[in-house]
Amino acid sequence: MALKIERIYTKPADMDGYRILVDRLWPRGISKEKAALDEWFKTIAPSKELRQWFGHDPEKYEEFKSRYIAELDANPDRSQFLELIKNHLAEGNVIMLYGAKDETHNQAVVLKDYLEKLL
């Protein structure tokens, strides 16, 4: 089974899997029905301070990745999140949703790479 990421604002490309929002803030303008989420795991997202520092500036992305990975390593909910992902991957796809406009430089990309190394 596959671990995927998808922007929540796009028409769902894939409804085949466990859909989990990995942003700390609820995406503006998205209803809970439209989101079609199975879960919202906001504590795995970057801290408010890191998110605000990064500001989705591609020039800060490499440093953002390093800082976010350090936060993930220290996150007390990391093992719970990892177990959740493992359990759902055993049954099917897992789709992590995010709200960022930049589909290349965002926390979901970092989180997916991070999880793939641990799985």
Protein backbone atom coordinates (compact mmCIF):
# COMPACT_ATOMS: atom_id res chain seq x y z
CA MET A 1 0.00 0.00 0.00
CA ALA A 2 1.08 3.59 -0.53
CA LEU A 3 1.69 6.67 1.57
CA LYS A 4 0.53 9.70 -0.42
CA ILE A 5 0.17 13.44 0.03
CA GLU A 6 -2.49 15.65 -1.48
CA ARG A 7 -3.46 19.31 -1.29
CA ILE A 8 -6.82 19.58 0.45
CA TYR A 9 -7.97 22.42 -1.82
CA THR A 10 -7.78 20.33 -4.98
CA LYS A 11 -10.57 18.03 -6.01
CA PRO A 12 -9.75 14.75 -4.27
CA ALA A 13 -7.60 12.81 -6.67
CA ASP A 14 -7.79 9.73 -4.54
CA MET A 15 -10.53 8.69 -2.14
CA ASP A 16 -9.11 5.19 -1.86
CA GLY A 17 -7.42 5.28 1.49
CA TYR A 18 -7.32 6.65 5.00
CA ARG A 19 -7.46 10.46 4.71
CA ILE A 20 -5.66 12.40 7.45
CA LEU A 21 -5.13 16.15 7.72
CA VAL A 22 -1.59 16.92 8.91
CA ASP A 23 -1.92 20.71 9.32
CA ARG A 24 -2.12 22.43 12.70
CA LEU A 25 -4.78 24.86 11.45
CA TRP A 26 -8.04 23.94 9.75
CA PRO A 27 -7.88 24.99 6.07
CA ARG A 28 -9.94 28.11 5.35
CA GLY A 29 -13.04 27.63 3.27
CA ILE A 30 -13.07 23.84 3.52
CA SER A 31 -16.09 22.24 5.16
CA LYS A 32 -15.70 19.03 7.10
CA GLU A 33 -17.90 17.30 4.53
CA LYS A 34 -15.80 18.50 1.58
CA ALA A 35 -12.59 17.50 3.34
CA ALA A 36 -13.83 13.90 3.65
CA LEU A 37 -11.34 13.24 6.44
CA ASP A 38 -10.95 10.16 8.54
CA GLU A 39 -8.79 12.01 11.05
CA TRP A 40 -7.10 15.31 11.84
CA PHE A 41 -3.74 14.84 13.57
CA LYS A 42 -2.72 18.45 14.16
CA THR A 43 -0.03 17.74 16.76
CA ILE A 44 2.23 16.20 14.10
CA ALA A 45 2.36 19.51 12.18
CA PRO A 46 5.17 22.02 12.63
CA SER A 47 4.95 24.28 15.68
CA LYS A 48 3.33 27.68 15.31
CA GLU A 49 6.74 29.32 15.70
CA LEU A 50 8.36 27.20 12.98
CA ARG A 51 5.40 27.62 10.63
CA GLN A 52 5.46 31.40 11.04
CA TRP A 53 9.25 31.59 10.64
CA PHE A 54 9.11 29.52 7.43
CA GLY A 55 6.21 31.44 5.89
CA HIS A 56 6.36 29.06 2.89
CA ASP A 57 9.49 30.82 1.62
CA PRO A 58 11.23 28.34 -0.72
CA GLU A 59 14.61 29.90 0.17
CA LYS A 60 14.10 28.80 3.80
CA TYR A 61 12.94 25.30 2.88
CA GLU A 62 16.17 23.40 3.59
CA GLU A 63 16.46 24.98 7.05
CA PHE A 64 12.73 24.40 7.60
CA LYS A 65 13.20 20.70 6.81
CA SER A 66 16.00 20.40 9.37
CA ARG A 67 14.04 22.20 12.06
CA TYR A 68 10.83 20.27 11.37
CA ILE A 69 12.64 16.92 11.49
CA ALA A 70 14.11 17.93 14.85
CA GLU A 71 10.59 18.75 16.04
CA LEU A 72 9.32 15.41 14.78
CA ASP A 73 12.11 13.54 16.55
CA ALA A 74 11.16 15.26 19.82
CA ASN A 75 7.38 15.13 19.31
CA PRO A 76 5.70 13.10 22.10
CA ASP A 77 2.92 12.09 19.65
CA ARG A 78 5.35 10.77 17.03
CA SER A 79 5.12 7.11 18.03
CA GLN A 80 1.31 7.27 18.17
CA PHE A 81 1.22 8.86 14.70
CA LEU A 82 3.69 6.30 13.34
CA GLU A 83 1.56 3.44 14.66
CA LEU A 84 -1.56 4.99 13.14
CA ILE A 85 0.15 5.21 9.75
CA LYS A 86 1.54 1.65 9.96
CA ASN A 87 -1.84 0.21 10.92
CA HIS A 88 -3.69 1.93 8.10
CA LEU A 89 -1.00 1.14 5.52
CA ALA A 90 -1.47 -2.53 6.38
CA GLU A 91 -5.09 -2.18 5.22
CA GLY A 92 -4.71 0.24 2.30
CA ASN A 93 -3.41 3.60 1.19
CA VAL A 94 -2.85 6.53 3.55
CA ILE A 95 -3.39 10.02 2.13
CA MET A 96 -1.93 12.90 4.15
CA LEU A 97 -3.67 16.18 3.35
CA TYR A 98 -2.22 19.67 3.66
CA GLY A 99 -3.34 23.20 2.81
CA ALA A 100 -0.15 24.86 1.52
CA LYS A 101 -0.25 26.33 -2.00
CA ASP A 102 3.30 25.24 -2.79
CA GLU A 103 3.10 21.53 -3.53
CA THR A 104 6.88 21.07 -3.39
CA HIS A 105 7.97 23.08 -0.35
CA ASN A 106 5.66 22.17 2.53
CA GLN A 107 5.56 20.15 5.72
CA ALA A 108 3.64 17.23 4.18
CA VAL A 109 6.53 16.58 1.78
CA VAL A 110 8.96 16.55 4.71
CA LEU A 111 6.63 14.37 6.80
CA LYS A 112 6.16 11.84 3.99
CA ASP A 113 9.93 11.50 3.47
CA TYR A 114 10.45 11.25 7.22
CA LEU A 115 7.84 8.50 7.59
CA GLU A 116 9.11 6.55 4.60
CA LYS A 117 12.56 6.38 6.22
CA LEU A 118 11.03 5.06 9.46
CA LEU A 119 8.74 2.53 7.79
